[in-house]
C-alpha atoms as a PDB file:
ATOM      1  CA  MET A   1       3.927  -5.876  16.899  1.00  0.00           C
ATOM      2  CA  ILE A   2       4.180  -3.799  13.227  1.00  0.00           C
ATOM      3  CA  LEU A   3       1.482  -1.414  12.179  1.00  0.00           C
ATOM      4  CA  ASN A   4      -0.245  -1.895   8.764  1.00  0.00           C
ATOM      5  CA  VAL A   5      -0.853   2.177   7.906  1.00  0.00           C
ATOM      6  CA  SER A   6      -2.990   0.696   5.930  1.00  0.00           C
ATOM      7  CA  GLY A   7      -3.826  -1.987   3.088  1.00  0.00           C
ATOM      8  CA  ARG A   8      -7.486  -1.028   3.814  1.00  0.00           C
ATOM      9  CA  THR A   9      -7.609   2.367   3.205  1.00  0.00           C
ATOM     10  CA  ASP A  10      -5.393   4.997   2.425  1.00  0.00           C
ATOM     11  CA  ILE A  11      -4.579   6.552   5.708  1.00  0.00           C
ATOM     12  CA  VAL A  12      -1.331   8.675   5.060  1.00  0.00           C
ATOM     13  CA  ALA A  13      -3.303  10.401   2.149  1.00  0.00           C
ATOM     14  CA  PHE A  14      -6.778  11.429   3.970  1.00  0.00           C
ATOM     15  CA  TYR A  15      -6.289  10.463   7.754  1.00  0.00           C
ATOM     16  CA  ALA A  16      -2.840  11.515   8.620  1.00  0.00           C
ATOM     17  CA  SER A  17      -3.483  14.156  10.948  1.00  0.00           C
ATOM     18  CA  TRP A  18      -6.060  11.756  12.865  1.00  0.00           C
ATOM     19  CA  PHE A  19      -3.496   9.096  12.838  1.00  0.00           C
ATOM     20  CA  MET A  20      -0.774  11.758  14.372  1.00  0.00           C
ATOM     21  CA  ARG A  21      -3.466  12.250  17.013  1.00  0.00           C
ATOM     22  CA  ARG A  22      -3.341   8.797  17.886  1.00  0.00           C
ATOM     23  CA  TYR A  23       0.208   8.471  18.147  1.00  0.00           C
ATOM     24  CA  GLN A  24       0.350  11.369  20.671  1.00  0.00           C
ATOM     25  CA  GLU A  25      -2.612   9.968  22.759  1.00  0.00           C
ATOM     26  CA  GLY A  26      -0.496   6.883  23.090  1.00  0.00           C
ATOM     27  CA  TYR A  27      -3.019   4.303  21.421  1.00  0.00           C
ATOM     28  CA  VAL A  28      -5.965   3.597  18.376  1.00  0.00           C
ATOM     29  CA  ASP A  29      -9.157   1.567  18.122  1.00  0.00           C
ATOM     30  CA  VAL A  30      -9.634  -1.105  15.226  1.00  0.00           C
ATOM     31  CA  ARG A  31     -13.131  -2.719  14.496  1.00  0.00           C
ATOM     32  CA  ASN A  32     -13.153  -5.902  13.740  1.00  0.00           C
ATOM     33  CA  PRO A  33     -14.021  -6.004  10.060  1.00  0.00           C
ATOM     34  CA  PHE A  34     -15.864  -8.972  10.341  1.00  0.00           C
ATOM     35  CA  TYR A  35     -17.334  -8.440  13.923  1.00  0.00           C
ATOM     36  CA  PRO A  36     -17.769  -4.891  14.442  1.00  0.00           C
ATOM     37  CA  LYS A  37     -18.742  -5.075  17.887  1.00  0.00           C
ATOM     38  CA  LEU A  38     -15.454  -6.230  18.592  1.00  0.00           C
ATOM     39  CA  VAL A  39     -12.121  -3.528  18.856  1.00  0.00           C
ATOM     40  CA  SER A  40      -8.953  -3.801  19.218  1.00  0.00           C
ATOM     41  CA  ARG A  41      -7.198  -1.081  21.591  1.00  0.00           C
ATOM     42  CA  ILE A  42      -3.778  -1.162  20.486  1.00  0.00           C
ATOM     43  CA  TYR A  43      -0.969   1.054  22.587  1.00  0.00           C
ATOM     44  CA  PHE A  44       1.978   2.241  20.304  1.00  0.00           C
ATOM     45  CA  GLU A  45       3.973   1.102  23.279  1.00  0.00           C
ATOM     46  CA  ASP A  46       3.989  -2.020  22.292  1.00  0.00           C
ATOM     47  CA  VAL A  47       4.664  -1.046  18.269  1.00  0.00           C
ATOM     48  CA  ASP A  48       7.522  -2.215  16.719  1.00  0.00           C
ATOM     49  CA  ALA A  49       7.404  -0.835  13.923  1.00  0.00           C
ATOM     50  CA  ILE A  50       5.380   0.847  11.082  1.00  0.00           C
ATOM     51  CA  LEU A  51       4.528   0.049   7.229  1.00  0.00           C
ATOM     52  CA  PHE A  52       2.462   2.900   5.815  1.00  0.00           C
ATOM     53  CA  CYS A  53       1.351   2.530   2.262  1.00  0.00           C
ATOM     54  CA  THR A  54      -0.001   4.932   0.365  1.00  0.00           C
ATOM     55  CA  LYS A  55      -0.588   6.948  -2.809  1.00  0.00           C
ATOM     56  CA  ASN A  56       0.230  10.209  -1.454  1.00  0.00           C
ATOM     57  CA  PRO A  57       2.445  10.107   1.172  1.00  0.00           C
ATOM     58  CA  ILE A  58       2.345  14.197   1.032  1.00  0.00           C
ATOM     59  CA  PRO A  59       0.083  14.572   4.269  1.00  0.00           C
ATOM     60  CA  ILE A  60       2.518  13.025   6.221  1.00  0.00           C
ATOM     61  CA  LEU A  61       6.077  14.487   5.666  1.00  0.00           C
ATOM     62  CA  LYS A  62       5.888  17.113   8.370  1.00  0.00           C
ATOM     63  CA  TYR A  63       5.059  14.381  10.852  1.00  0.00           C
ATOM     64  CA  LEU A  64       7.693  12.167  10.317  1.00  0.00           C
ATOM     65  CA  LYS A  65      10.255  13.421  12.400  1.00  0.00           C
ATOM     66  CA  GLU A  66       8.225  12.991  15.631  1.00  0.00           C
ATOM     67  CA  ILE A  67       7.443   9.101  15.197  1.00  0.00           C
ATOM     68  CA  LYS A  68       9.682   7.532  17.026  1.00  0.00           C
ATOM     69  CA  LYS A  69       9.529   4.096  16.243  1.00  0.00           C
ATOM     70  CA  PRO A  70      11.084   2.426  12.910  1.00  0.00           C
ATOM     71  CA  ILE A  71       9.094   3.736   9.449  1.00  0.00           C
ATOM     72  CA  ILE A  72       8.831   1.607   6.102  1.00  0.00           C
ATOM     73  CA  PHE A  73       6.587   3.429   3.136  1.00  0.00           C
ATOM     74  CA  HIS A  74       4.934   1.375   0.479  1.00  0.00           C
ATOM     75  CA  VAL A  75       4.200   4.141  -1.934  1.00  0.00           C
ATOM     76  CA  THR A  76       2.240   3.305  -4.158  1.00  0.00           C
ATOM     77  CA  LEU A  77       2.989   4.792  -8.215  1.00  0.00           C
ATOM     78  CA  THR A  78       1.522   3.923 -11.261  1.00  0.00           C
ATOM     79  CA  SER A  79       0.930   5.405 -14.422  1.00  0.00           C
ATOM     80  CA  TYR A  80      -2.695   5.772 -15.091  1.00  0.00           C
ATOM     81  CA  GLN A  81      -4.743   8.924 -15.963  1.00  0.00           C
ATOM     82  CA  LYS A  82      -8.180  10.661 -13.914  1.00  0.00           C
ATOM     83  CA  ASP A  83     -10.081   7.457 -15.507  1.00  0.00           C
ATOM     84  CA  ILE A  84      -8.551   4.919 -13.425  1.00  0.00           C
ATOM     85  CA  GLU A  85      -7.319   6.850 -10.382  1.00  0.00           C
ATOM     86  CA  PRO A  86      -9.667  10.473 -10.051  1.00  0.00           C
ATOM     87  CA  ASN A  87      -8.531  11.559  -7.188  1.00  0.00           C
ATOM     88  CA  VAL A  88      -4.950  10.561  -7.106  1.00  0.00           C
ATOM     89  CA  PRO A  89      -2.838  14.093  -7.410  1.00  0.00           C
ATOM     90  CA  SER A  90      -0.093  14.794  -9.874  1.00  0.00           C
ATOM     91  CA  LYS A  91       2.409  11.887 -10.205  1.00  0.00           C
ATOM     92  CA  LYS A  92       4.724  15.015 -10.281  1.00  0.00           C
ATOM     93  CA  GLU A  93       3.661  15.974  -7.077  1.00  0.00           C
ATOM     94  CA  ILE A  94       4.164  12.249  -5.744  1.00  0.00           C
ATOM     95  CA  ILE A  95       7.600  11.506  -7.139  1.00  0.00           C
ATOM     96  CA  GLU A  96       9.082  15.033  -5.859  1.00  0.00           C
ATOM     97  CA  ALA A  97       7.542  13.615  -2.458  1.00  0.00           C
ATOM     98  CA  ILE A  98       9.045  10.345  -3.071  1.00  0.00           C
ATOM     99  CA  LYS A  99      12.743  11.893  -3.145  1.00  0.00           C
ATOM    100  CA  GLU A 100      12.086  13.638  -0.015  1.00  0.00           C
ATOM    101  CA  LEU A 101      10.677   9.784   1.795  1.00  0.00           C
ATOM    102  CA  SER A 102      14.324   8.978   0.680  1.00  0.00           C
ATOM    103  CA  SER A 103      15.845  11.434   2.384  1.00  0.00           C
ATOM    104  CA  LEU A 104      13.933  11.232   5.588  1.00  0.00           C
ATOM    105  CA  VAL A 105      13.383   7.791   6.499  1.00  0.00           C
ATOM    106  CA  GLY A 106      15.971   6.352   4.546  1.00  0.00           C
ATOM    107  CA  ILE A 107      16.005   4.560   0.732  1.00  0.00           C
ATOM    108  CA  ASP A 108      16.246   0.971   2.487  1.00  0.00           C
ATOM    109  CA  GLN A 109      13.096   1.507   4.120  1.00  0.00           C
ATOM    110  CA  LEU A 110      11.362   2.996   0.927  1.00  0.00           C
ATOM    111  CA  TYR A 111       9.447   0.829  -1.532  1.00  0.00           C
ATOM    112  CA  VAL A 112       7.507   2.030  -4.907  1.00  0.00           C
ATOM    113  CA  ARG A 113       5.000  -0.233  -6.050  1.00  0.00           C
ATOM    114  CA  TYR A 114       3.874  -0.402 -10.110  1.00  0.00           C
ATOM    115  CA  ASP A 115       1.073  -1.657  -8.817  1.00  0.00           C
ATOM    116  CA  PRO A 116      -1.462  -3.221 -10.353  1.00  0.00           C
ATOM    117  CA  ILE A 117      -0.550  -3.400 -14.210  1.00  0.00           C
ATOM    118  CA  LEU A 118      -3.475  -4.351 -16.196  1.00  0.00           C
ATOM    119  CA  ILE A 119      -3.786  -4.334 -19.741  1.00  0.00           C
ATOM    120  CA  SER A 120      -6.529  -2.358 -21.808  1.00  0.00           C
ATOM    121  CA  PRO A 121      -6.262  -1.012 -25.181  1.00  0.00           C
ATOM    122  CA  LYS A 122      -5.685   2.485 -24.029  1.00  0.00           C
ATOM    123  CA  TYR A 123      -2.873   1.035 -21.310  1.00  0.00           C
ATOM    124  CA  THR A 124      -1.067  -1.924 -23.216  1.00  0.00           C
ATOM    125  CA  VAL A 125       2.456  -3.064 -22.822  1.00  0.00           C
ATOM    126  CA  GLU A 126       3.927  -0.975 -24.519  1.00  0.00           C
ATOM    127  CA  TYR A 127       2.815   2.208 -22.521  1.00  0.00           C
ATOM    128  CA  HIS A 128       3.723   0.329 -19.125  1.00  0.00           C
ATOM    129  CA  ILE A 129       7.253  -0.021 -20.611  1.00  0.00           C
ATOM    130  CA  ARG A 130       7.337   3.480 -21.583  1.00  0.00           C
ATOM    131  CA  ALA A 131       5.958   4.175 -18.626  1.00  0.00           C
ATOM    132  CA  PHE A 132       7.808   2.234 -16.056  1.00  0.00           C
ATOM    133  CA  GLU A 133      10.956   3.470 -17.754  1.00  0.00           C
ATOM    134  CA  ARG A 134      10.859   7.482 -17.051  1.00  0.00           C
ATOM    135  CA  LEU A 135       9.498   6.552 -13.663  1.00  0.00           C
ATOM    136  CA  CYS A 136      13.039   4.816 -13.264  1.00  0.00           C
ATOM    137  CA  GLN A 137      14.455   7.382 -14.763  1.00  0.00           C
ATOM    138  CA  LEU A 138      13.079   9.801 -12.459  1.00  0.00           C
ATOM    139  CA  LEU A 139      13.844   8.057  -8.758  1.00  0.00           C
ATOM    140  CA  LYS A 140      16.700   7.071 -10.106  1.00  0.00           C
ATOM    141  CA  GLY A 141      19.900   6.960  -6.482  1.00  0.00           C
ATOM    142  CA  TYR A 142      15.992   7.534  -5.014  1.00  0.00           C
ATOM    143  CA  VAL A 143      15.152   4.261  -4.945  1.00  0.00           C
ATOM    144  CA  LYS A 144      16.331   0.824  -4.637  1.00  0.00           C
ATOM    145  CA  THR A 145      13.055  -1.372  -5.035  1.00  0.00           C
ATOM    146  CA  ILE A 146      10.342  -1.542  -6.905  1.00  0.00           C
ATOM    147  CA  ILE A 147       7.679  -4.222  -6.274  1.00  0.00           C
ATOM    148  CA  VAL A 148       5.261  -5.084  -9.666  1.00  0.00           C
ATOM    149  CA  SER A 149       1.816  -6.825  -9.603  1.00  0.00           C
ATOM    150  CA  PHE A 150      -0.685  -7.855 -12.074  1.00  0.00           C
ATOM    151  CA  MET A 151      -4.445  -6.955 -11.417  1.00  0.00           C
ATOM    152  CA  ASP A 152      -6.400  -9.321 -10.033  1.00  0.00           C
ATOM    153  CA  ASP A 153     -10.220  -9.763 -10.191  1.00  0.00           C
ATOM    154  CA  TYR A 154     -11.863  -8.442  -7.361  1.00  0.00           C
ATOM    155  CA  GLN A 155     -15.741  -7.465  -7.013  1.00  0.00           C
ATOM    156  CA  ASN A 156     -14.411  -4.032  -7.883  1.00  0.00           C
ATOM    157  CA  VAL A 157     -13.230  -4.843 -10.799  1.00  0.00           C
ATOM    158  CA  ARG A 158     -15.749  -6.760 -12.099  1.00  0.00           C
ATOM    159  CA  LYS A 159     -18.043  -3.656 -11.171  1.00  0.00           C
ATOM    160  CA  ASN A 160     -15.759  -1.350 -12.785  1.00  0.00           C
ATOM    161  CA  SER A 161     -14.517  -3.614 -16.135  1.00  0.00           C
ATOM    162  CA  TYR A 162     -16.782  -1.222 -18.727  1.00  0.00           C
ATOM    163  CA  ILE A 163     -13.899   1.641 -17.492  1.00  0.00           C
ATOM    164  CA  LEU A 164     -11.267  -0.361 -17.423  1.00  0.00           C
ATOM    165  CA  LYS A 165     -11.410  -1.852 -20.055  1.00  0.00           C
ATOM    166  CA  HIS A 166      -9.388  -4.853 -19.434  1.00  0.00           C
ATOM    167  CA  ARG A 167      -7.889  -8.016 -21.037  1.00  0.00           C
ATOM    168  CA  SER A 168      -6.489 -11.388 -19.973  1.00  0.00           C
ATOM    169  CA  PHE A 169      -2.550 -11.154 -20.019  1.00  0.00           C
ATOM    170  CA  THR A 170      -0.726 -13.816 -22.548  1.00  0.00           C
ATOM    171  CA  GLU A 171       2.359 -15.056 -21.821  1.00  0.00           C
ATOM    172  CA  ILE A 172       4.013 -13.009 -24.479  1.00  0.00           C
ATOM    173  CA  ASP A 173       2.540  -9.726 -22.377  1.00  0.00           C
ATOM    174  CA  TYR A 174       4.912 -11.549 -19.480  1.00  0.00           C
ATOM    175  CA  GLN A 175       7.770 -12.418 -21.100  1.00  0.00           C
ATOM    176  CA  MET A 176       7.636  -8.227 -22.727  1.00  0.00           C
ATOM    177  CA  ILE A 177       7.119  -7.091 -19.213  1.00  0.00           C
ATOM    178  CA  GLY A 178       9.622  -9.513 -17.729  1.00  0.00           C
ATOM    179  CA  LYS A 179      12.382  -8.829 -20.154  1.00  0.00           C
ATOM    180  CA  HIS A 180      12.037  -4.903 -20.277  1.00  0.00           C
ATOM    181  CA  PHE A 181      10.847  -3.924 -16.726  1.00  0.00           C
ATOM    182  CA  SER A 182      14.284  -5.839 -15.344  1.00  0.00           C
ATOM    183  CA  THR A 183      16.690  -4.051 -18.312  1.00  0.00           C
ATOM    184  CA  ILE A 184      15.384  -0.698 -17.007  1.00  0.00           C
ATOM    185  CA  ALA A 185      15.809  -1.305 -13.367  1.00  0.00           C
ATOM    186  CA  GLN A 186      18.736  -2.523 -13.842  1.00  0.00           C
ATOM    187  CA  ASN A 187      20.135   0.423 -15.943  1.00  0.00           C
ATOM    188  CA  ASN A 188      18.901   2.674 -13.230  1.00  0.00           C
ATOM    189  CA  GLY A 189      20.548   0.817 -10.353  1.00  0.00           C
ATOM    190  CA  MET A 190      16.992  -0.597  -9.091  1.00  0.00           C
ATOM    191  CA  VAL A 191      15.262  -4.185  -8.257  1.00  0.00           C
ATOM    192  CA  VAL A 192      12.200  -5.330  -9.342  1.00  0.00           C
ATOM    193  CA  GLN A 193      10.365  -7.909  -7.450  1.00  0.00           C
ATOM    194  CA  THR A 194       7.061  -9.946  -7.434  1.00  0.00           C
ATOM    195  CA  CYS A 195       5.244 -10.684  -4.362  1.00  0.00           C
ATOM    196  CA  CYS A 196       2.686 -13.380  -4.093  1.00  0.00           C
ATOM    197  CA  GLU A 197       2.362 -13.557  -7.580  1.00  0.00           C
ATOM    198  CA  GLU A 198       1.385 -16.770  -9.930  1.00  0.00           C
ATOM    199  CA  ARG A 199       3.986 -15.581 -12.671  1.00  0.00           C
ATOM    200  CA  ASN A 200       6.736 -13.911 -10.867  1.00  0.00           C
ATOM    201  CA  LEU A 201       8.907 -13.590 -13.640  1.00  0.00           C
ATOM    202  CA  VAL A 202      12.221 -14.747 -11.625  1.00  0.00           C
ATOM    203  CA  GLU A 203      13.288 -16.156 -15.191  1.00  0.00           C
ATOM    204  CA  PHE A 204      13.797 -12.273 -16.304  1.00  0.00           C
ATOM    205  CA  GLY A 205      15.886 -11.357 -13.631  1.00  0.00           C
ATOM    206  CA  PHE A 206      13.184 -10.207 -11.159  1.00  0.00           C
ATOM    207  CA  GLN A 207      13.325 -11.040  -7.926  1.00  0.00           C
ATOM    208  CA  LYS A 208      10.917 -13.180  -5.881  1.00  0.00           C
ATOM    209  CA  ASN A 209      10.456 -11.702  -2.146  1.00  0.00           C
ATOM    210  CA  ASP A 210       7.943 -10.492   0.478  1.00  0.00           C
ATOM    211  CA  CYS A 211       6.587  -7.175   0.355  1.00  0.00           C
ATOM    212  CA  LEU A 212       7.594  -7.367   4.469  1.00  0.00           C
ATOM    213  CA  SER A 213      10.023  -9.998   4.546  1.00  0.00           C
ATOM    214  CA  HIS A 214      11.277 -11.973   8.036  1.00  0.00           C
ATOM    215  CA  GLU A 215      14.766 -10.200   7.350  1.00  0.00           C
ATOM    216  CA  VAL A 216      13.728  -6.544   6.729  1.00  0.00           C
ATOM    217  CA  ALA A 217      11.139  -6.647  10.247  1.00  0.00           C
ATOM    218  CA  PHE A 218      14.091  -8.508  12.325  1.00  0.00           C
ATOM    219  CA  HIS A 219      16.857  -5.791  10.831  1.00  0.00           C
ATOM    220  CA  LEU A 220      14.290  -3.381  12.001  1.00  0.00           C
ATOM    221  CA  THR A 221      13.031  -4.302  14.811  1.00  0.00           C
ATOM    222  CA  GLY A 222      15.699  -7.518  16.178  1.00  0.00           C
ATOM    223  CA  LYS A 223      12.609  -9.172  16.621  1.00  0.00           C
ATOM    224  CA  SER A 224      11.064 -12.374  14.530  1.00  0.00           C
ATOM    225  CA  TYR A 225       7.170 -12.241  13.735  1.00  0.00           C
ATOM    226  CA  PRO A 226       5.077 -15.423  12.373  1.00  0.00           C
ATOM    227  CA  LYS A 227       3.494 -15.203   8.550  1.00  0.00           C
ATOM    228  CA  TRP A 228       1.085 -13.350   7.921  1.00  0.00           C
ATOM    229  CA  ARG A 229      -1.798 -15.613   8.429  1.00  0.00           C
ATOM    230  CA  SER A 230      -5.077 -13.251   6.951  1.00  0.00           C
ATOM    231  CA  ARG A 231      -3.816 -13.591   3.593  1.00  0.00           C
ATOM    232  CA  LYS A 232      -5.580 -17.052   2.541  1.00  0.00           C
ATOM    233  CA  GLN A 233      -6.248 -16.639  -1.252  1.00  0.00           C
ATOM    234  CA  LYS A 234      -2.539 -17.005  -2.001  1.00  0.00           C
ATOM    235  CA  GLU A 235       0.844 -17.955  -1.073  1.00  0.00           C
ATOM    236  CA  CYS A 236       1.997 -15.065   1.412  1.00  0.00           C
ATOM    237  CA  ASN A 237       5.131 -15.272   3.392  1.00  0.00           C
ATOM    238  CA  CYS A 238       5.111 -11.311   4.644  1.00  0.00           C
ATOM    239  CA  VAL A 239       5.309 -11.139   8.208  1.00  0.00           C
ATOM    240  CA  GLU A 240       2.252 -10.944  10.378  1.00  0.00           C
ATOM    241  CA  MET A 241       0.985  -7.051  10.428  1.00  0.00           C
ATOM    242  CA  VAL A 242      -2.002  -5.585  12.655  1.00  0.00           C
ATOM    243  CA  ASP A 243      -4.362  -3.140   9.803  1.00  0.00           C
ATOM    244  CA  ILE A 244      -5.609  -0.059  11.632  1.00  0.00           C
ATOM    245  CA  GLY A 245      -7.444   0.917   8.604  1.00  0.00           C
ATOM    246  CA  SER A 246     -11.449   0.498   7.238  1.00  0.00           C
ATOM    247  CA  TYR A 247     -12.664  -0.525   4.272  1.00  0.00           C
ATOM    248  CA  ASN A 248     -14.682   1.525   1.764  1.00  0.00           C
ATOM    249  CA  SER A 249     -13.455   4.421   3.253  1.00  0.00           C
ATOM    250  CA  CYS A 250     -10.432   5.414   0.805  1.00  0.00           C
ATOM    251  CA  ASN A 251     -11.501   8.663  -1.398  1.00  0.00           C
ATOM    252  CA  HIS A 252      -9.022   7.741  -4.140  1.00  0.00           C
ATOM    253  CA  LEU A 253     -11.657   5.839  -5.448  1.00  0.00           C
ATOM    254  CA  CYS A 254      -9.224   3.928  -8.204  1.00  0.00           C
ATOM    255  CA  LYS A 255     -11.720   1.625 -10.413  1.00  0.00           C
ATOM    256  CA  TYR A 256      -9.214  -1.434  -9.510  1.00  0.00           C
ATOM    257  CA  CYS A 257      -9.142  -1.226  -5.714  1.00  0.00           C
ATOM    258  CA  TYR A 258      -9.293  -4.660  -3.465  1.00  0.00           C
ATOM    259  CA  ALA A 259     -10.122  -2.104  -0.599  1.00  0.00           C
ATOM    260  CA  ASN A 260     -13.174  -0.311  -2.127  1.00  0.00           C
ATOM    261  CA  PHE A 261     -16.057  -2.012  -3.578  1.00  0.00           C
ATOM    262  CA  ASP A 262     -19.081   0.708  -2.486  1.00  0.00           C
ATOM    263  CA  GLU A 263     -18.531   4.294  -3.737  1.00  0.00           C
ATOM    264  CA  GLN A 264     -21.948   5.257  -1.458  1.00  0.00           C
ATOM    265  CA  LYS A 265     -20.423   3.339   1.266  1.00  0.00           C
ATOM    266  CA  VAL A 266     -17.142   5.254   0.973  1.00  0.00           C
ATOM    267  CA  LEU A 267     -18.805   9.254   0.865  1.00  0.00           C
ATOM    268  CA  LYS A 268     -20.965   7.851   4.129  1.00  0.00           C
ATOM    269  CA  ASN A 269     -17.357   6.333   5.777  1.00  0.00           C
ATOM    270  CA  SER A 270     -15.683  10.006   4.931  1.00  0.00           C
ATOM    271  CA  GLN A 271     -18.301  11.491   6.259  1.00  0.00           C
ATOM    272  CA  ASN A 272     -18.521   9.699   9.776  1.00  0.00           C
ATOM    273  CA  HIS A 273     -14.379  10.256  10.373  1.00  0.00           C
ATOM    274  CA  TYR A 274     -13.848  11.807  12.893  1.00  0.00           C
ATOM    275  CA  GLU A 275     -10.499  13.972  14.279  1.00  0.00           C
ATOM    276  CA  ASN A 276     -10.985  13.152  17.989  1.00  0.00           C
ATOM    277  CA  SER A 277     -12.281   9.154  17.637  1.00  0.00           C
ATOM    278  CA  SER A 278     -10.079   6.838  18.922  1.00  0.00           C
ATOM    279  CA  LEU A 279     -11.984   4.453  15.506  1.00  0.00           C
ATOM    280  CA  LEU A 280     -11.038   6.177  12.402  1.00  0.00           C
ATOM    281  CA  ILE A 281     -14.715   5.354  10.924  1.00  0.00           C
ATOM    282  CA  GLY A 282     -16.937   6.210  14.028  1.00  0.00           C
ATOM    283  CA  LYS A 283     -17.081   6.311  17.784  1.00  0.00           C
ATOM    284  CA  LEU A 284     -16.783   3.703  20.506  1.00  0.00           C
ATOM    285  CA  ALA A 285     -20.289   2.678  21.430  1.00  0.00           C
ATOM    286  CA  SER A 286     -21.153   1.602  24.813  1.00  0.00           C
ATOM    287  CA  ASP A 287     -21.848  -1.533  23.604  1.00  0.00           C
ATOM    288  CA  ASP A 288     -18.779  -2.302  22.304  1.00  0.00           C
ATOM    289  CA  VAL A 289     -16.138  -5.089  23.687  1.00  0.00           C
ATOM    290  CA  ILE A 290     -12.593  -3.868  23.741  1.00  0.00           C
ATOM    291  CA  LYS A 291      -9.647  -6.002  24.086  1.00  0.00           C
ATOM    292  CA  ILE A 292      -5.906  -4.790  24.461  1.00  0.00           C
ATOM    293  CA  ARG A 293      -4.123  -6.207  21.678  1.00  0.00           C
ATOM    294  CA  LYS A 294      -0.625  -6.835  22.401  1.00  0.00           C
ATOM    295  CA  LYS A 295       0.206  -8.769  19.268  1.00  0.00           C
END
């Protein structure tokens, strides 16, 4: 099994010490988000590899040498300011952490996500082109692949539309992003890719690939995995992973986030996090049904 840590929240940024406690104790419990009384128990001895997804890798850097599993990092690094990403640390700090990650886990196990792109009067296409070029220049030699996506119409996006002030993409927008991003990436020894996007920009030199492909997973673990069945809205060929996170528990509070849709619940869940619990949020109850998950 491959763990996703996490697509539902930023465990690395806010709950790294909890994760390491679970790793050291040998197992972690995960509530089913649709049937909360059902709990999956995952033993780390059954874990083949770990995909860490984060906007801030700094809290886990000191622990990485303790983790005796193959590791991949996806670090989201955008050019948005506090109006859109109110609690994300300084991007300069994140860039330095990415450089350290590159030496710790290896350049082939490190992906940067310029994700998602939104267009507004403040964050224009030209703004993104300049920001992407600066990002690539700063990370040249430390990163090979940058994954790009475009903002989707999530519940949180609609709720925060008065802040985002975003507009729909035009064909000219896609062409400008495609041409400039591809050239910028190439000039800095990188490739730029899309995953699961209707507009994949391959005609401009983008690669169309999976966020975690079957080839990469096999290279890391020597095992084959089924396709990720949980992706219903779009065609996705990524390998199946097991997410150990909880929705509405990320304190970055980014205004475009798909995993947070109620900031009051985020506050409540954060207060209901216990370092010694086997669950990320809350504790086991006597009527919980625990099933061991092997894959």
